[in-house]
Structure formats: C-alpha cells, structure tokens
Amino acid sequence: MGAQNDPGLVPRERVALSGSWRLQAYVFALEPDHVQLEALKSHCGAQRFAFNWGLALVKANLAQREAERSYGIEEVEVVVRDRRPNQL
C-alpha cells in the first residue's frame, strides 16, 4: 500500500542523491491514547535528561581545559575526562 492510497501518509518532496539513492520522507499524524501519550512524554523527558547530561559534560571538559591552560599546563598534559552515563 503506497502513500497515494493511505490518507494518513503525506509524502514529502523526493530528493535525488548521488548514484542510485533516493531520499523520501513521510509525515505521520499521531493520535495516541492516554497511555501512549504518557509514554511519549516519558521518552521526551529521558531524551532531554540525556541531552542535558551530555551538555554539562562538554561544558565541564571545556572549563577544565581552560583552567589547565591558565595554570600553564601544556596541551599534551591536559586531563582527558571520560565519564559514561552509568557514572552519574
């Protein structure tokens, strides 16, 4: 069943890529029930938490490097911080 036969699918413009590849996207209308809506909100909250965690880590790394530069530490001697998400 193609997008032409399904009113829930809205085809977008096709874009020709190099070679024999073609990119095509669809927009889907969502009508979640109450349980599904709560799950979507939960996923969005988790995504935001992960983004904020990564942003805080990048800012901390940049601040640490700036501090080390102000102490006169050479670039090859700076601390490399590597924190995984499970080390919160």
N, C-alpha and C. Protein backbone atom coordinates (compact mmCIF):
# COMPACT_ATOMS: atom_id res chain seq x y z
N MET A 1 0.85 -1.18 0.00
CA MET A 1 0.00 0.00 0.00
C MET A 1 0.88 1.23 0.00
N GLY A 2 0.77 2.07 -0.95
CA GLY A 2 1.60 3.25 -1.07
C GLY A 2 0.98 4.46 -0.41
N ALA A 3 1.72 5.54 -0.41
CA ALA A 3 1.26 6.77 0.21
C ALA A 3 0.05 7.34 -0.53
N GLN A 4 -0.08 7.02 -1.80
CA GLN A 4 -1.20 7.54 -2.58
C GLN A 4 -2.53 6.97 -2.08
N ASN A 5 -2.51 5.75 -1.53
CA ASN A 5 -3.73 5.08 -1.10
C ASN A 5 -4.06 5.29 0.36
N ASP A 6 -3.15 5.81 1.15
CA ASP A 6 -3.35 5.94 2.58
C ASP A 6 -3.46 7.42 2.95
N PRO A 7 -4.62 7.88 3.43
CA PRO A 7 -4.76 9.29 3.77
C PRO A 7 -3.94 9.70 4.98
N GLY A 8 -3.45 8.74 5.79
CA GLY A 8 -2.64 9.07 6.95
C GLY A 8 -1.20 9.38 6.61
N LEU A 9 -0.76 9.04 5.40
CA LEU A 9 0.60 9.30 4.98
C LEU A 9 0.64 10.50 4.04
N VAL A 10 1.52 11.42 4.34
CA VAL A 10 1.67 12.60 3.50
C VAL A 10 3.07 12.56 2.91
N PRO A 11 3.21 12.26 1.62
CA PRO A 11 4.55 12.21 1.04
C PRO A 11 5.15 13.60 0.92
N ARG A 12 6.43 13.67 1.18
CA ARG A 12 7.16 14.92 1.02
C ARG A 12 7.96 14.87 -0.26
N GLU A 13 8.61 15.95 -0.56
CA GLU A 13 9.38 16.05 -1.80
C GLU A 13 10.49 15.00 -1.84
N ARG A 14 10.66 14.37 -2.97
CA ARG A 14 11.74 13.42 -3.16
C ARG A 14 13.00 14.18 -3.53
N VAL A 15 14.11 13.72 -2.98
CA VAL A 15 15.39 14.37 -3.22
C VAL A 15 16.32 13.35 -3.85
N ALA A 16 16.89 13.69 -4.98
CA ALA A 16 17.82 12.80 -5.66
C ALA A 16 19.20 12.94 -5.02
N LEU A 17 19.77 11.82 -4.64
CA LEU A 17 21.11 11.79 -4.08
C LEU A 17 22.04 11.23 -5.13
N SER A 18 23.33 11.25 -4.84
CA SER A 18 24.29 10.75 -5.81
C SER A 18 24.08 9.26 -6.07
N GLY A 19 24.35 8.85 -7.26
CA GLY A 19 24.21 7.44 -7.62
C GLY A 19 22.75 7.05 -7.76
N SER A 20 22.43 5.87 -7.27
CA SER A 20 21.07 5.36 -7.42
C SER A 20 20.24 5.52 -6.16
N TRP A 21 20.68 6.31 -5.21
CA TRP A 21 19.95 6.51 -3.96
C TRP A 21 18.91 7.61 -4.12
N ARG A 22 17.79 7.44 -3.42
CA ARG A 22 16.75 8.45 -3.41
C ARG A 22 16.25 8.58 -1.97
N LEU A 23 16.07 9.79 -1.53
CA LEU A 23 15.59 10.05 -0.18
C LEU A 23 14.14 10.50 -0.25
N GLN A 24 13.28 9.86 0.52
CA GLN A 24 11.88 10.24 0.56
C GLN A 24 11.41 10.14 2.00
N ALA A 25 10.64 11.10 2.45
CA ALA A 25 10.17 11.12 3.83
C ALA A 25 8.64 11.21 3.86
N TYR A 26 8.08 10.76 4.97
CA TYR A 26 6.64 10.83 5.18
C TYR A 26 6.36 11.51 6.51
N VAL A 27 5.23 12.17 6.59
CA VAL A 27 4.77 12.76 7.83
C VAL A 27 3.57 11.95 8.29
N PHE A 28 3.63 11.47 9.53
CA PHE A 28 2.55 10.66 10.07
C PHE A 28 1.76 11.47 11.10
N ALA A 29 0.46 11.39 11.04
CA ALA A 29 -0.39 12.02 12.04
C ALA A 29 -0.54 11.05 13.21
N LEU A 30 -0.17 11.50 14.41
CA LEU A 30 -0.28 10.65 15.58
C LEU A 30 -1.55 11.00 16.36
N GLU A 31 -2.24 10.00 16.80
CA GLU A 31 -3.40 10.19 17.65
C GLU A 31 -3.30 9.21 18.80
N PRO A 32 -2.34 9.45 19.73
CA PRO A 32 -2.12 8.49 20.81
C PRO A 32 -3.24 8.55 21.85
N ASP A 33 -3.49 7.39 22.48
CA ASP A 33 -4.43 7.38 23.59
C ASP A 33 -3.69 7.87 24.84
N HIS A 34 -4.36 7.88 25.99
CA HIS A 34 -3.77 8.44 27.21
C HIS A 34 -2.49 7.70 27.61
N VAL A 35 -2.50 6.39 27.57
CA VAL A 35 -1.32 5.60 27.96
C VAL A 35 -0.16 5.87 27.01
N GLN A 36 -0.43 5.89 25.72
CA GLN A 36 0.62 6.15 24.73
C GLN A 36 1.17 7.56 24.88
N LEU A 37 0.31 8.52 25.19
CA LEU A 37 0.74 9.91 25.37
C LEU A 37 1.69 10.02 26.56
N GLU A 38 1.37 9.34 27.64
CA GLU A 38 2.25 9.35 28.81
C GLU A 38 3.60 8.72 28.48
N ALA A 39 3.60 7.65 27.69
CA ALA A 39 4.86 7.01 27.28
C ALA A 39 5.68 7.96 26.41
N LEU A 40 5.03 8.66 25.49
CA LEU A 40 5.75 9.63 24.65
C LEU A 40 6.36 10.74 25.49
N LYS A 41 5.63 11.24 26.47
CA LYS A 41 6.15 12.28 27.36
C LYS A 41 7.35 11.76 28.14
N SER A 42 7.27 10.51 28.58
CA SER A 42 8.37 9.91 29.33
C SER A 42 9.62 9.81 28.46
N HIS A 43 9.45 9.39 27.20
CA HIS A 43 10.59 9.28 26.29
C HIS A 43 11.21 10.65 26.03
N CYS A 44 10.38 11.66 25.88
CA CYS A 44 10.89 13.02 25.65
C CYS A 44 11.67 13.51 26.86
N GLY A 45 11.17 13.19 28.06
CA GLY A 45 11.88 13.58 29.27
C GLY A 45 13.23 12.89 29.37
N ALA A 46 13.29 11.62 29.01
CA ALA A 46 14.56 10.88 29.06
C ALA A 46 15.54 11.45 28.04
N GLN A 47 15.04 11.81 26.87
CA GLN A 47 15.90 12.40 25.84
C GLN A 47 16.47 13.72 26.34
N ARG A 48 15.65 14.51 26.98
CA ARG A 48 16.10 15.81 27.48
C ARG A 48 17.14 15.63 28.58
N PHE A 49 16.92 14.63 29.46
CA PHE A 49 17.89 14.35 30.51
C PHE A 49 19.24 13.97 29.91
N ALA A 50 19.23 13.10 28.91
CA ALA A 50 20.47 12.66 28.27
C ALA A 50 21.18 13.84 27.59
N PHE A 51 20.41 14.69 26.92
CA PHE A 51 21.00 15.87 26.26
C PHE A 51 21.64 16.78 27.29
N ASN A 52 20.93 17.06 28.38
CA ASN A 52 21.47 17.95 29.41
C ASN A 52 22.71 17.35 30.07
N TRP A 53 22.71 16.02 30.27
CA TRP A 53 23.88 15.37 30.84
C TRP A 53 25.08 15.55 29.91
N GLY A 54 24.90 15.33 28.62
CA GLY A 54 25.99 15.49 27.66
C GLY A 54 26.47 16.93 27.58
N LEU A 55 25.54 17.86 27.60
CA LEU A 55 25.90 19.27 27.54
C LEU A 55 26.71 19.67 28.77
N ALA A 56 26.29 19.21 29.95
CA ALA A 56 27.03 19.51 31.18
C ALA A 56 28.44 18.91 31.13
N LEU A 57 28.58 17.71 30.57
CA LEU A 57 29.88 17.08 30.46
C LEU A 57 30.80 17.87 29.53
N VAL A 58 30.28 18.30 28.40
CA VAL A 58 31.08 19.10 27.46
C VAL A 58 31.51 20.41 28.10
N LYS A 59 30.58 21.08 28.79
CA LYS A 59 30.92 22.35 29.45
C LYS A 59 31.97 22.15 30.54
N ALA A 60 31.84 21.05 31.30
CA ALA A 60 32.83 20.76 32.35
C ALA A 60 34.20 20.49 31.74
N ASN A 61 34.24 19.75 30.64
CA ASN A 61 35.51 19.47 29.97
C ASN A 61 36.15 20.75 29.45
N LEU A 62 35.35 21.63 28.85
CA LEU A 62 35.89 22.89 28.34
C LEU A 62 36.40 23.78 29.48
N ALA A 63 35.67 23.83 30.57
CA ALA A 63 36.09 24.63 31.73
C ALA A 63 37.38 24.07 32.32
N GLN A 64 37.48 22.74 32.40
CA GLN A 64 38.69 22.11 32.94
C GLN A 64 39.89 22.42 32.06
N ARG A 65 39.72 22.32 30.76
CA ARG A 65 40.83 22.63 29.85
C ARG A 65 41.24 24.10 29.94
N GLU A 66 40.27 24.98 30.06
CA GLU A 66 40.58 26.41 30.20
C GLU A 66 41.34 26.67 31.50
N ALA A 67 40.93 26.01 32.57
CA ALA A 67 41.64 26.17 33.84
C ALA A 67 43.07 25.64 33.73
N GLU A 68 43.24 24.48 33.09
CA GLU A 68 44.58 23.92 32.94
C GLU A 68 45.47 24.83 32.09
N ARG A 69 44.89 25.45 31.08
CA ARG A 69 45.67 26.40 30.27
C ARG A 69 46.10 27.60 31.11
N SER A 70 45.21 28.06 32.01
CA SER A 70 45.55 29.22 32.84
C SER A 70 46.64 28.87 33.85
N TYR A 71 46.82 27.58 34.19
CA TYR A 71 47.88 27.15 35.09
C TYR A 71 49.20 26.98 34.36
N GLY A 72 49.16 27.07 33.04
CA GLY A 72 50.38 26.90 32.26
C GLY A 72 50.66 25.45 31.87
N ILE A 73 49.67 24.60 32.00
CA ILE A 73 49.85 23.20 31.62
C ILE A 73 49.79 23.09 30.11
N GLU A 74 50.74 22.34 29.55
CA GLU A 74 50.78 22.19 28.10
C GLU A 74 49.62 21.35 27.59
N GLU A 75 49.26 21.55 26.35
CA GLU A 75 48.10 20.88 25.75
C GLU A 75 48.20 19.36 25.81
N VAL A 76 49.40 18.82 25.68
CA VAL A 76 49.56 17.36 25.70
C VAL A 76 49.39 16.78 27.09
N GLU A 77 49.43 17.61 28.13
CA GLU A 77 49.34 17.14 29.51
C GLU A 77 47.96 17.36 30.13
N VAL A 78 47.03 17.90 29.38
CA VAL A 78 45.72 18.20 29.97
C VAL A 78 44.98 16.91 30.30
N VAL A 79 44.12 17.01 31.29
CA VAL A 79 43.35 15.85 31.73
C VAL A 79 42.26 15.55 30.72
N VAL A 80 42.12 14.28 30.38
CA VAL A 80 41.05 13.84 29.50
C VAL A 80 40.01 13.16 30.37
N ARG A 81 38.85 13.78 30.50
CA ARG A 81 37.78 13.21 31.31
C ARG A 81 36.91 12.34 30.43
N ASP A 82 36.60 11.18 30.93
CA ASP A 82 35.78 10.23 30.17
C ASP A 82 34.75 9.63 31.12
N ARG A 83 33.58 10.25 31.21
CA ARG A 83 32.53 9.75 32.09
C ARG A 83 31.43 9.15 31.25
N ARG A 84 31.08 7.95 31.56
CA ARG A 84 30.00 7.26 30.87
C ARG A 84 28.68 7.59 31.58
N PRO A 85 27.54 7.44 30.89
CA PRO A 85 26.25 7.74 31.51
C PRO A 85 25.99 6.95 32.79
N ASN A 86 26.56 5.76 32.95
CA ASN A 86 26.31 4.98 34.15
C ASN A 86 27.17 5.44 35.32
N GLN A 87 27.97 6.48 35.14
CA GLN A 87 28.81 7.02 36.20
C GLN A 87 28.27 8.34 36.73
N LEU A 88 26.97 8.54 36.63
CA LEU A 88 26.39 9.78 37.12
C LEU A 88 26.56 9.79 38.58
